[in-house]
Each structure stands twice: as C-alpha cells, then as structure tokens.
Amino acid sequence: MTPPRAPNYLKAAFFNVYNLSLLGGAATASLLSGDWLIALGALGLEALWLVTGPDLKPFQRAVRESARQEREKEDRARVEKLMAELPEREWQRAKALDELRREIERDVQHNPSFQAILMSSELEKLSQLHVSFVRLAAACQRAESYLHAVNVFELKRQVEQQNKLQEKSEDASVRELAGKNVVVLEKRLLTIKDIETFLARARGQMNLIENSVRLLRDQALTMTSPDQMNEQLDDLLTGVDAVQQSVKDTEAIMGNRFEPIADVAAPQQTSRPVDLRLRE
C-alpha cells in the first residue's frame, strides 16, 4: 500500500480558514479606516505565524487528521461506487468485512490496554484493507468477464490450423502469414494464462484478508499491545501490495486490443477472430 504523502504544513498554515479570515478582516478594516498600520501589523503577525505555525506539533496533528479524513472520504466514495457494481455475493462479503472493521474499532476503543494509546494508524490500515478487498473483488469480476468472453478451444484450434498451413502450403506468403498468426494466437493463450493466474492469486488474497480480519476481531478485546495488531496488519498490507501490482498489470493486458492478423485458411473455411475485449 502506497503510504500517504506528507502534508505541506506551510501551505496548510496559510490556507487555514482562521488565518484567511483574520487576514481578510485586517485588510477590510485597514481599507475602510484608511489606517495602513492595521495592514502592516497583520502582515507582521502573518509572517510570524508562517514561520512558527507549521512546526507546532498540535497544528501538524490537526493537519494530518484532516488529510486522513479527506482521504477516507475520497476512498469511501470510490469504494461505494465499486461496490455498487459488484455481484450480490461479492457485495455481501465486502459489506460483512466492513462490519467486522467497525466491530474491531469498537472493541479496541473498549480495550483497557489501549486507552492511553492512539490507534488511528492501525484503524486506518483496517480501512485500507477493506478498500483493497473491494478493489480486488472488482478486478476479479472484470477478469472473469474477460475470460468468459474467450473461447480457448477455438484459439487452440486456430493455432493447430495455422501450424498445418505452415507445414503443408507450397506458397511462401501463405506460410509466412500462418506463422505470424501462430505467434499472435499463442500470445493470446499466454495472456489468458496470466489472467487465470492473477485471478487465483487475487481470490486467495481476498480470502486471507477475510480470515485475518476475523482473527483480529476475535483478538481485539484481549490484545495487550497495539503492536500485535500492527504486525498482522502490516503483513496483510504487504501481501495486498503485491497483488495490487498484479491488478495493474492484468488490467493493462485486458486493456490492450490484440487484433489478430487475418487468418489464412482454405477458401471454403471462414475463421472468425475471437474477441478478447472485456465485455461491459
């Protein structure tokens, strides 16, 4: 999981709503009264704030928390959009996982061992796992739709047909075209194999996320240190990162248009190219 970018505290200090309100008020007062000392005094205070404010720990915590809430809001909107497109079974799994996340958050807050410890980092990782689960479910749905649109037996039949043409045709141009068709068709078959491998990995990772979150739910009330939760979450997120990269690679493959070179067949036969594009 890509770590969030560190906030720009100087920018946050300047665009802070209270800072802008005070600047605007001072500018208005100076303009209406004609007393430019008000504006100069405000600029001096502004410079002092911009020098010291961004380094204040309470201010930095507030900025980080605001950024976290904004990321969570954006993630939630994306997740809800993806969930709306999932089949019923996958939607139910994602919904149940989110309920488990909320239960863990509730139990951790009631765990006396964690009362004096901020758990925002660990709870955010739980949210990231739910987001990752939904994204994997959506990617699996697209991959399955892609595979259902492909007739593997027809592709293999075409490979066999083109190989025979290479062997038997006396025309050099026919043999050359048949060889090119074999290369394209075999590339398609390898692509399908890669997508099937991704699908198995993604499904396995989804199961691991579910089982691990259920284990955390069982342990939440009895944990004696947030490190126990943190280690398990980090291990899960590391595994998710690897599969998420596969999501990008696989969707890049599915986004390509592998248009076949025209089939070379006997005059009485017509071979229709198999459409490997993802059906919406």
C-alpha atoms as a PDB file:
ATOM      1  CA  MET A   1       0.000   0.000   0.000  1.00  0.00           C
ATOM      2  CA  THR A   2       1.462   3.334  -1.066  1.00  0.00           C
ATOM      3  CA  PRO A   3       1.989   5.488   2.044  1.00  0.00           C
ATOM      4  CA  PRO A   4       0.148   8.828   2.014  1.00  0.00           C
ATOM      5  CA  ARG A   5       2.214  11.825   1.006  1.00  0.00           C
ATOM      6  CA  ALA A   6       3.326  14.039   3.907  1.00  0.00           C
ATOM      7  CA  PRO A   7       1.155  17.162   4.229  1.00  0.00           C
ATOM      8  CA  ASN A   8       2.523  20.560   3.248  1.00  0.00           C
ATOM      9  CA  TYR A   9       2.288  22.231   6.660  1.00  0.00           C
ATOM     10  CA  LEU A  10       3.299  25.684   5.363  1.00  0.00           C
ATOM     11  CA  LYS A  11       0.552  25.619   2.750  1.00  0.00           C
ATOM     12  CA  ALA A  12      -1.929  24.354   5.336  1.00  0.00           C
ATOM     13  CA  ALA A  13      -0.939  27.147   7.726  1.00  0.00           C
ATOM     14  CA  PHE A  14      -1.541  29.818   5.093  1.00  0.00           C
ATOM     15  CA  PHE A  15      -4.838  28.410   3.784  1.00  0.00           C
ATOM     16  CA  ASN A  16      -6.154  27.694   7.275  1.00  0.00           C
ATOM     17  CA  VAL A  17      -9.669  29.123   7.417  1.00  0.00           C
ATOM     18  CA  TYR A  18      -8.936  31.135  10.572  1.00  0.00           C
ATOM     19  CA  ASN A  19      -5.765  32.574   9.095  1.00  0.00           C
ATOM     20  CA  LEU A  20      -7.527  33.660   5.913  1.00  0.00           C
ATOM     21  CA  SER A  21     -10.414  35.113   7.921  1.00  0.00           C
ATOM     22  CA  LEU A  22      -8.053  37.216  10.054  1.00  0.00           C
ATOM     23  CA  LEU A  23      -6.106  38.392   7.015  1.00  0.00           C
ATOM     24  CA  GLY A  24      -9.289  39.311   5.208  1.00  0.00           C
ATOM     25  CA  GLY A  25     -10.669  41.090   8.259  1.00  0.00           C
ATOM     26  CA  ALA A  26      -7.476  43.063   8.756  1.00  0.00           C
ATOM     27  CA  ALA A  27      -7.360  44.054   5.080  1.00  0.00           C
ATOM     28  CA  THR A  28     -11.003  45.181   5.177  1.00  0.00           C
ATOM     29  CA  ALA A  29     -10.505  47.161   8.390  1.00  0.00           C
ATOM     30  CA  SER A  30      -7.390  48.824   7.008  1.00  0.00           C
ATOM     31  CA  LEU A  31      -9.172  49.737   3.775  1.00  0.00           C
ATOM     32  CA  LEU A  32     -12.269  51.127   5.473  1.00  0.00           C
ATOM     33  CA  SER A  33     -10.387  53.074   8.123  1.00  0.00           C
ATOM     34  CA  GLY A  34      -7.528  54.189   5.924  1.00  0.00           C
ATOM     35  CA  ASP A  35      -5.133  53.091   8.642  1.00  0.00           C
ATOM     36  CA  TRP A  36      -2.360  51.151   6.899  1.00  0.00           C
ATOM     37  CA  LEU A  37      -0.786  50.283  10.236  1.00  0.00           C
ATOM     38  CA  ILE A  38      -3.508  47.677  10.665  1.00  0.00           C
ATOM     39  CA  ALA A  39      -2.434  46.020   7.426  1.00  0.00           C
ATOM     40  CA  LEU A  40       1.244  46.202   8.357  1.00  0.00           C
ATOM     41  CA  GLY A  41       0.546  44.726  11.777  1.00  0.00           C
ATOM     42  CA  ALA A  42      -1.476  41.912  10.198  1.00  0.00           C
ATOM     43  CA  LEU A  43       1.328  41.159   7.746  1.00  0.00           C
ATOM     44  CA  GLY A  44       3.809  41.028  10.618  1.00  0.00           C
ATOM     45  CA  LEU A  45       1.628  38.607  12.544  1.00  0.00           C
ATOM     46  CA  GLU A  46       1.110  36.579   9.366  1.00  0.00           C
ATOM     47  CA  ALA A  47       4.867  36.272   8.853  1.00  0.00           C
ATOM     48  CA  LEU A  48       5.304  35.188  12.471  1.00  0.00           C
ATOM     49  CA  TRP A  49       2.544  32.584  12.067  1.00  0.00           C
ATOM     50  CA  LEU A  50       4.004  31.184   8.861  1.00  0.00           C
ATOM     51  CA  VAL A  51       7.421  30.854  10.497  1.00  0.00           C
ATOM     52  CA  THR A  52       6.275  29.196  13.722  1.00  0.00           C
ATOM     53  CA  GLY A  53       2.851  27.688  12.999  1.00  0.00           C
ATOM     54  CA  PRO A  54       3.873  24.868  10.613  1.00  0.00           C
ATOM     55  CA  ASP A  55       6.295  23.476  13.229  1.00  0.00           C
ATOM     56  CA  LEU A  56       3.770  23.313  16.066  1.00  0.00           C
ATOM     57  CA  LYS A  57       3.013  19.685  16.912  1.00  0.00           C
ATOM     58  CA  PRO A  58      -0.704  20.253  17.683  1.00  0.00           C
ATOM     59  CA  PHE A  59      -1.115  22.031  14.349  1.00  0.00           C
ATOM     60  CA  GLN A  60       0.675  19.205  12.496  1.00  0.00           C
ATOM     61  CA  ARG A  61      -1.549  16.601  14.176  1.00  0.00           C
ATOM     62  CA  ALA A  62      -4.649  18.571  13.167  1.00  0.00           C
ATOM     63  CA  VAL A  63      -3.439  18.818   9.563  1.00  0.00           C
ATOM     64  CA  ARG A  64      -2.661  15.091   9.402  1.00  0.00           C
ATOM     65  CA  GLU A  65      -6.040  14.210  10.858  1.00  0.00           C
ATOM     66  CA  SER A  66      -7.803  16.497   8.384  1.00  0.00           C
ATOM     67  CA  ALA A  67      -5.844  14.929   5.498  1.00  0.00           C
ATOM     68  CA  ARG A  68      -6.676  11.442   6.765  1.00  0.00           C
ATOM     69  CA  GLN A  69     -10.381  12.242   6.935  1.00  0.00           C
ATOM     70  CA  GLU A  70     -10.284  13.682   3.425  1.00  0.00           C
ATOM     71  CA  ARG A  71      -8.527  10.568   2.077  1.00  0.00           C
ATOM     72  CA  GLU A  72     -11.023   8.355   3.863  1.00  0.00           C
ATOM     73  CA  LYS A  73     -13.908  10.322   2.395  1.00  0.00           C
ATOM     74  CA  GLU A  74     -12.498  10.005  -1.134  1.00  0.00           C
ATOM     75  CA  ASP A  75     -11.747   6.301  -0.636  1.00  0.00           C
ATOM     76  CA  ARG A  76     -15.232   5.707   0.702  1.00  0.00           C
ATOM     77  CA  ALA A  77     -16.798   7.355  -2.352  1.00  0.00           C
ATOM     78  CA  ARG A  78     -14.675   5.219  -4.702  1.00  0.00           C
ATOM     79  CA  VAL A  79     -15.419   2.063  -2.716  1.00  0.00           C
ATOM     80  CA  GLU A  80     -19.176   2.691  -2.716  1.00  0.00           C
ATOM     81  CA  LYS A  81     -19.081   3.165  -6.481  1.00  0.00           C
ATOM     82  CA  LEU A  82     -17.151  -0.097  -6.935  1.00  0.00           C
ATOM     83  CA  MET A  83     -19.406  -1.979  -4.513  1.00  0.00           C
ATOM     84  CA  ALA A  84     -22.492  -0.898  -6.429  1.00  0.00           C
ATOM     85  CA  GLU A  85     -21.103  -2.729  -9.476  1.00  0.00           C
ATOM     86  CA  LEU A  86     -20.251  -5.979  -7.641  1.00  0.00           C
ATOM     87  CA  PRO A  87     -22.341  -9.146  -7.887  1.00  0.00           C
ATOM     88  CA  GLU A  88     -24.558  -9.800  -4.874  1.00  0.00           C
ATOM     89  CA  ARG A  89     -22.262 -12.406  -3.297  1.00  0.00           C
ATOM     90  CA  GLU A  90     -19.182 -10.179  -3.503  1.00  0.00           C
ATOM     91  CA  TRP A  91     -21.177  -7.198  -2.236  1.00  0.00           C
ATOM     92  CA  GLN A  92     -22.267  -9.219   0.785  1.00  0.00           C
ATOM     93  CA  ARG A  93     -18.657 -10.251   1.521  1.00  0.00           C
ATOM     94  CA  ALA A  94     -17.417  -6.661   1.276  1.00  0.00           C
ATOM     95  CA  LYS A  95     -20.271  -5.443   3.488  1.00  0.00           C
ATOM     96  CA  ALA A  96     -19.549  -8.099   6.122  1.00  0.00           C
ATOM     97  CA  LEU A  97     -15.854  -7.165   6.101  1.00  0.00           C
ATOM     98  CA  ASP A  98     -16.727  -3.523   6.711  1.00  0.00           C
ATOM     99  CA  GLU A  99     -18.935  -4.560   9.634  1.00  0.00           C
ATOM    100  CA  LEU A 100     -16.024  -6.535  11.104  1.00  0.00           C
ATOM    101  CA  ARG A 101     -13.809  -3.466  10.755  1.00  0.00           C
ATOM    102  CA  ARG A 102     -16.314  -1.395  12.719  1.00  0.00           C
ATOM    103  CA  GLU A 103     -16.574  -4.069  15.412  1.00  0.00           C
ATOM    104  CA  ILE A 104     -12.785  -4.186  15.793  1.00  0.00           C
ATOM    105  CA  GLU A 105     -12.682  -0.389  16.097  1.00  0.00           C
ATOM    106  CA  ARG A 106     -15.352  -0.520  18.783  1.00  0.00           C
ATOM    107  CA  ASP A 107     -13.644  -3.321  20.739  1.00  0.00           C
ATOM    108  CA  VAL A 108     -10.216  -1.670  20.541  1.00  0.00           C
ATOM    109  CA  GLN A 109     -11.679   1.519  21.980  1.00  0.00           C
ATOM    110  CA  HIS A 110     -13.040  -0.518  24.899  1.00  0.00           C
ATOM    111  CA  ASN A 111      -9.816  -2.438  25.454  1.00  0.00           C
ATOM    112  CA  PRO A 112      -8.246  -1.061  28.675  1.00  0.00           C
ATOM    113  CA  SER A 113      -4.758  -1.812  27.342  1.00  0.00           C
ATOM    114  CA  PHE A 114      -5.258   0.736  24.549  1.00  0.00           C
ATOM    115  CA  GLN A 115      -6.910   3.559  26.472  1.00  0.00           C
ATOM    116  CA  ALA A 116      -3.793   5.719  26.574  1.00  0.00           C
ATOM    117  CA  ILE A 117      -2.603   4.822  23.084  1.00  0.00           C
ATOM    118  CA  LEU A 118      -3.637   6.456  19.829  1.00  0.00           C
ATOM    119  CA  MET A 119      -4.859   3.738  17.447  1.00  0.00           C
ATOM    120  CA  SER A 120      -5.566   5.949  14.421  1.00  0.00           C
ATOM    121  CA  SER A 121      -2.753   4.382  12.363  1.00  0.00           C
ATOM    122  CA  GLU A 122      -3.921   0.818  12.962  1.00  0.00           C
ATOM    123  CA  LEU A 123      -7.570   1.673  12.348  1.00  0.00           C
ATOM    124  CA  GLU A 124      -6.637   3.427   9.113  1.00  0.00           C
ATOM    125  CA  LYS A 125      -4.856   0.267   7.977  1.00  0.00           C
ATOM    126  CA  LEU A 126      -8.063  -1.674   8.603  1.00  0.00           C
ATOM    127  CA  SER A 127      -9.883   0.777   6.350  1.00  0.00           C
ATOM    128  CA  GLN A 128      -7.184   0.320   3.709  1.00  0.00           C
ATOM    129  CA  LEU A 129      -7.710  -3.441   3.831  1.00  0.00           C
ATOM    130  CA  HIS A 130     -11.417  -3.026   3.197  1.00  0.00           C
ATOM    131  CA  VAL A 131     -10.705  -0.709   0.259  1.00  0.00           C
ATOM    132  CA  SER A 132      -8.209  -3.236  -1.123  1.00  0.00           C
ATOM    133  CA  PHE A 133     -10.711  -6.080  -0.743  1.00  0.00           C
ATOM    134  CA  VAL A 134     -13.329  -4.191  -2.759  1.00  0.00           C
ATOM    135  CA  ARG A 135     -10.808  -3.269  -5.450  1.00  0.00           C
ATOM    136  CA  LEU A 136      -9.683  -6.885  -5.720  1.00  0.00           C
ATOM    137  CA  ALA A 137     -13.297  -8.056  -5.948  1.00  0.00           C
ATOM    138  CA  ALA A 138     -13.957  -5.563  -8.750  1.00  0.00           C
ATOM    139  CA  ALA A 139     -10.778  -6.628 -10.572  1.00  0.00           C
ATOM    140  CA  CYS A 140     -11.764 -10.302 -10.248  1.00  0.00           C
ATOM    141  CA  GLN A 141     -15.176  -9.559 -11.710  1.00  0.00           C
ATOM    142  CA  ARG A 142     -13.597  -7.831 -14.719  1.00  0.00           C
ATOM    143  CA  ALA A 143     -11.100 -10.664 -15.188  1.00  0.00           C
ATOM    144  CA  GLU A 144     -13.839 -13.299 -15.046  1.00  0.00           C
ATOM    145  CA  SER A 145     -15.956 -11.398 -17.550  1.00  0.00           C
ATOM    146  CA  TYR A 146     -12.910 -11.165 -19.793  1.00  0.00           C
ATOM    147  CA  LEU A 147     -12.235 -14.884 -19.587  1.00  0.00           C
ATOM    148  CA  HIS A 148     -15.881 -15.798 -20.184  1.00  0.00           C
ATOM    149  CA  ALA A 149     -15.746 -13.851 -23.450  1.00  0.00           C
ATOM    150  CA  VAL A 150     -12.877 -16.016 -24.730  1.00  0.00           C
ATOM    151  CA  ASN A 151     -13.191 -19.421 -26.402  1.00  0.00           C
ATOM    152  CA  VAL A 152      -9.885 -21.078 -25.525  1.00  0.00           C
ATOM    153  CA  PHE A 153     -10.687 -24.206 -27.530  1.00  0.00           C
ATOM    154  CA  GLU A 154     -11.279 -22.070 -30.622  1.00  0.00           C
ATOM    155  CA  LEU A 155      -7.947 -20.321 -30.127  1.00  0.00           C
ATOM    156  CA  LYS A 156      -6.164 -23.667 -29.845  1.00  0.00           C
ATOM    157  CA  ARG A 157      -7.996 -24.937 -32.931  1.00  0.00           C
ATOM    158  CA  GLN A 158      -6.799 -21.908 -34.880  1.00  0.00           C
ATOM    159  CA  VAL A 159      -3.206 -22.492 -33.722  1.00  0.00           C
ATOM    160  CA  GLU A 160      -3.400 -26.071 -34.949  1.00  0.00           C
ATOM    161  CA  GLN A 161      -4.915 -24.925 -38.237  1.00  0.00           C
ATOM    162  CA  GLN A 162      -2.203 -22.339 -38.851  1.00  0.00           C
ATOM    163  CA  ASN A 163       0.547 -24.809 -37.968  1.00  0.00           C
ATOM    164  CA  LYS A 164      -0.810 -27.209 -40.582  1.00  0.00           C
ATOM    165  CA  LEU A 165      -0.809 -24.430 -43.172  1.00  0.00           C
ATOM    166  CA  GLN A 166       2.824 -23.703 -42.344  1.00  0.00           C
ATOM    167  CA  GLU A 167       3.709 -27.339 -42.886  1.00  0.00           C
ATOM    168  CA  LYS A 168       1.659 -28.084 -45.999  1.00  0.00           C
ATOM    169  CA  SER A 169       1.285 -24.894 -48.024  1.00  0.00           C
ATOM    170  CA  GLU A 170       3.537 -24.534 -51.042  1.00  0.00           C
ATOM    171  CA  ASP A 171       3.061 -20.742 -51.152  1.00  0.00           C
ATOM    172  CA  ALA A 172       5.764 -18.882 -49.182  1.00  0.00           C
ATOM    173  CA  SER A 173       3.480 -15.914 -48.421  1.00  0.00           C
ATOM    174  CA  VAL A 174       0.804 -18.245 -47.049  1.00  0.00           C
ATOM    175  CA  ARG A 175       3.358 -19.933 -44.784  1.00  0.00           C
ATOM    176  CA  GLU A 176       4.631 -16.554 -43.598  1.00  0.00           C
ATOM    177  CA  LEU A 177       1.148 -15.300 -42.723  1.00  0.00           C
ATOM    178  CA  ALA A 178       0.312 -18.564 -40.993  1.00  0.00           C
ATOM    179  CA  GLY A 179       3.458 -18.249 -38.875  1.00  0.00           C
ATOM    180  CA  LYS A 180       2.501 -14.711 -37.863  1.00  0.00           C
ATOM    181  CA  ASN A 181      -0.964 -15.895 -36.908  1.00  0.00           C
ATOM    182  CA  VAL A 182       0.535 -18.616 -34.721  1.00  0.00           C
ATOM    183  CA  VAL A 183       2.630 -16.017 -32.862  1.00  0.00           C
ATOM    184  CA  VAL A 184      -0.416 -13.817 -32.197  1.00  0.00           C
ATOM    185  CA  LEU A 185      -2.669 -16.688 -31.175  1.00  0.00           C
ATOM    186  CA  GLU A 186      -0.068 -18.160 -28.811  1.00  0.00           C
ATOM    187  CA  LYS A 187       0.393 -14.722 -27.275  1.00  0.00           C
ATOM    188  CA  ARG A 188      -3.335 -14.653 -26.628  1.00  0.00           C
ATOM    189  CA  LEU A 189      -3.193 -18.035 -24.933  1.00  0.00           C
ATOM    190  CA  LEU A 190      -0.325 -16.881 -22.712  1.00  0.00           C
ATOM    191  CA  THR A 191      -2.306 -13.754 -21.838  1.00  0.00           C
ATOM    192  CA  ILE A 192      -5.268 -15.863 -20.790  1.00  0.00           C
ATOM    193  CA  LYS A 193      -2.967 -17.991 -18.628  1.00  0.00           C
ATOM    194  CA  ASP A 194      -1.602 -14.860 -16.937  1.00  0.00           C
ATOM    195  CA  ILE A 195      -5.113 -13.619 -16.199  1.00  0.00           C
ATOM    196  CA  GLU A 196      -6.118 -17.002 -14.758  1.00  0.00           C
ATOM    197  CA  THR A 197      -3.043 -16.927 -12.509  1.00  0.00           C
ATOM    198  CA  PHE A 198      -3.898 -13.406 -11.355  1.00  0.00           C
ATOM    199  CA  LEU A 199      -7.476 -14.463 -10.646  1.00  0.00           C
ATOM    200  CA  ALA A 200      -6.322 -17.331  -8.421  1.00  0.00           C
ATOM    201  CA  ARG A 201      -3.911 -15.041  -6.526  1.00  0.00           C
ATOM    202  CA  ALA A 202      -6.486 -12.297  -6.067  1.00  0.00           C
ATOM    203  CA  ARG A 203      -9.136 -14.710  -4.799  1.00  0.00           C
ATOM    204  CA  GLY A 204      -6.626 -16.206  -2.383  1.00  0.00           C
ATOM    205  CA  GLN A 205      -5.660 -12.755  -1.095  1.00  0.00           C
ATOM    206  CA  MET A 206      -9.315 -11.839  -0.596  1.00  0.00           C
ATOM    207  CA  ASN A 207      -9.831 -14.991   1.479  1.00  0.00           C
ATOM    208  CA  LEU A 208      -6.717 -14.200   3.518  1.00  0.00           C
ATOM    209  CA  ILE A 209      -7.965 -10.670   4.229  1.00  0.00           C
ATOM    210  CA  GLU A 210     -11.328 -12.023   5.405  1.00  0.00           C
ATOM    211  CA  ASN A 211      -9.831 -14.718   7.631  1.00  0.00           C
ATOM    212  CA  SER A 212      -7.205 -12.385   9.118  1.00  0.00           C
ATOM    213  CA  VAL A 213      -9.712  -9.645   9.903  1.00  0.00           C
ATOM    214  CA  ARG A 214     -11.953 -12.223  11.589  1.00  0.00           C
ATOM    215  CA  LEU A 215      -8.968 -13.326  13.681  1.00  0.00           C
ATOM    216  CA  LEU A 216      -8.280  -9.703  14.652  1.00  0.00           C
ATOM    217  CA  ARG A 217     -11.935  -9.392  15.605  1.00  0.00           C
ATOM    218  CA  ASP A 218     -11.563 -12.391  17.934  1.00  0.00           C
ATOM    219  CA  GLN A 219      -8.393 -10.949  19.481  1.00  0.00           C
ATOM    220  CA  ALA A 220      -9.363  -7.272  19.745  1.00  0.00           C
ATOM    221  CA  LEU A 221     -10.587  -7.377  23.341  1.00  0.00           C
ATOM    222  CA  THR A 222      -7.673  -9.434  24.666  1.00  0.00           C
ATOM    223  CA  MET A 223      -4.699  -7.792  22.943  1.00  0.00           C
ATOM    224  CA  THR A 224      -2.196  -6.290  25.357  1.00  0.00           C
ATOM    225  CA  SER A 225      -0.373  -4.072  22.854  1.00  0.00           C
ATOM    226  CA  PRO A 226      -1.210  -2.323  19.571  1.00  0.00           C
ATOM    227  CA  ASP A 227       2.000  -3.842  18.190  1.00  0.00           C
ATOM    228  CA  GLN A 228       0.192  -7.192  17.955  1.00  0.00           C
ATOM    229  CA  MET A 229      -2.401  -5.685  15.645  1.00  0.00           C
ATOM    230  CA  ASN A 230       0.121  -3.548  13.787  1.00  0.00           C
ATOM    231  CA  GLU A 231       2.325  -6.527  12.844  1.00  0.00           C
ATOM    232  CA  GLN A 232      -0.597  -8.534  11.481  1.00  0.00           C
ATOM    233  CA  LEU A 233      -1.929  -5.572   9.523  1.00  0.00           C
ATOM    234  CA  ASP A 234       1.493  -4.785   8.042  1.00  0.00           C
ATOM    235  CA  ASP A 235       1.890  -8.393   6.886  1.00  0.00           C
ATOM    236  CA  LEU A 236      -1.518  -8.280   5.238  1.00  0.00           C
ATOM    237  CA  LEU A 237      -0.867  -4.944   3.534  1.00  0.00           C
ATOM    238  CA  THR A 238       2.466  -6.202   2.188  1.00  0.00           C
ATOM    239  CA  GLY A 239       0.701  -9.127   0.543  1.00  0.00           C
ATOM    240  CA  VAL A 240      -2.017  -6.852  -0.786  1.00  0.00           C
ATOM    241  CA  ASP A 241       0.592  -4.547  -2.328  1.00  0.00           C
ATOM    242  CA  ALA A 242       1.985  -7.397  -4.410  1.00  0.00           C
ATOM    243  CA  VAL A 243      -1.442  -8.419  -5.675  1.00  0.00           C
ATOM    244  CA  GLN A 244      -2.434  -4.802  -6.324  1.00  0.00           C
ATOM    245  CA  GLN A 245       0.513  -4.545  -8.703  1.00  0.00           C
ATOM    246  CA  SER A 246      -0.844  -7.624 -10.446  1.00  0.00           C
ATOM    247  CA  VAL A 247      -4.196  -5.826 -10.739  1.00  0.00           C
ATOM    248  CA  LYS A 248      -2.491  -3.009 -12.647  1.00  0.00           C
ATOM    249  CA  ASP A 249      -0.553  -5.395 -14.860  1.00  0.00           C
ATOM    250  CA  THR A 250      -3.601  -7.546 -15.601  1.00  0.00           C
ATOM    251  CA  GLU A 251      -5.867  -4.610 -16.377  1.00  0.00           C
ATOM    252  CA  ALA A 252      -3.174  -3.242 -18.674  1.00  0.00           C
ATOM    253  CA  ILE A 253      -3.270  -6.587 -20.502  1.00  0.00           C
ATOM    254  CA  MET A 254      -7.061  -6.568 -20.680  1.00  0.00           C
ATOM    255  CA  GLY A 255      -6.959  -3.003 -21.967  1.00  0.00           C
ATOM    256  CA  ASN A 256      -4.811  -3.978 -24.955  1.00  0.00           C
ATOM    257  CA  ARG A 257      -6.500  -4.840 -28.213  1.00  0.00           C
ATOM    258  CA  PHE A 258      -4.868  -7.992 -29.553  1.00  0.00           C
ATOM    259  CA  GLU A 259      -6.319  -7.734 -33.048  1.00  0.00           C
ATOM    260  CA  PRO A 260      -5.333 -10.885 -34.936  1.00  0.00           C
ATOM    261  CA  ILE A 261      -3.578 -10.931 -38.233  1.00  0.00           C
ATOM    262  CA  ALA A 262      -6.084 -12.215 -40.780  1.00  0.00           C
ATOM    263  CA  ASP A 263      -6.446 -15.983 -40.650  1.00  0.00           C
ATOM    264  CA  VAL A 264      -5.074 -17.906 -43.583  1.00  0.00           C
ATOM    265  CA  ALA A 265      -7.493 -20.739 -44.196  1.00  0.00           C
ATOM    266  CA  ALA A 266      -8.781 -22.855 -47.004  1.00  0.00           C
ATOM    267  CA  PRO A 267     -11.161 -20.952 -49.336  1.00  0.00           C
ATOM    268  CA  GLN A 268     -14.205 -22.871 -48.127  1.00  0.00           C
ATOM    269  CA  GLN A 269     -13.500 -22.089 -44.450  1.00  0.00           C
ATOM    270  CA  THR A 270     -14.042 -18.858 -42.582  1.00  0.00           C
ATOM    271  CA  SER A 271     -12.346 -18.355 -39.253  1.00  0.00           C
ATOM    272  CA  ARG A 272     -13.875 -15.624 -37.146  1.00  0.00           C
ATOM    273  CA  PRO A 273     -11.386 -13.823 -34.856  1.00  0.00           C
ATOM    274  CA  VAL A 274     -12.121 -14.335 -31.181  1.00  0.00           C
ATOM    275  CA  ASP A 275     -12.828 -11.049 -29.427  1.00  0.00           C
ATOM    276  CA  LEU A 276     -10.727 -10.841 -26.260  1.00  0.00           C
ATOM    277  CA  ARG A 277     -12.041  -7.464 -25.202  1.00  0.00           C
ATOM    278  CA  LEU A 278     -13.725  -7.159 -21.829  1.00  0.00           C
ATOM    279  CA  ARG A 279     -17.482  -7.151 -22.198  1.00  0.00           C
ATOM    280  CA  GLU A 280     -19.149  -4.450 -20.212  1.00  0.00           C
END
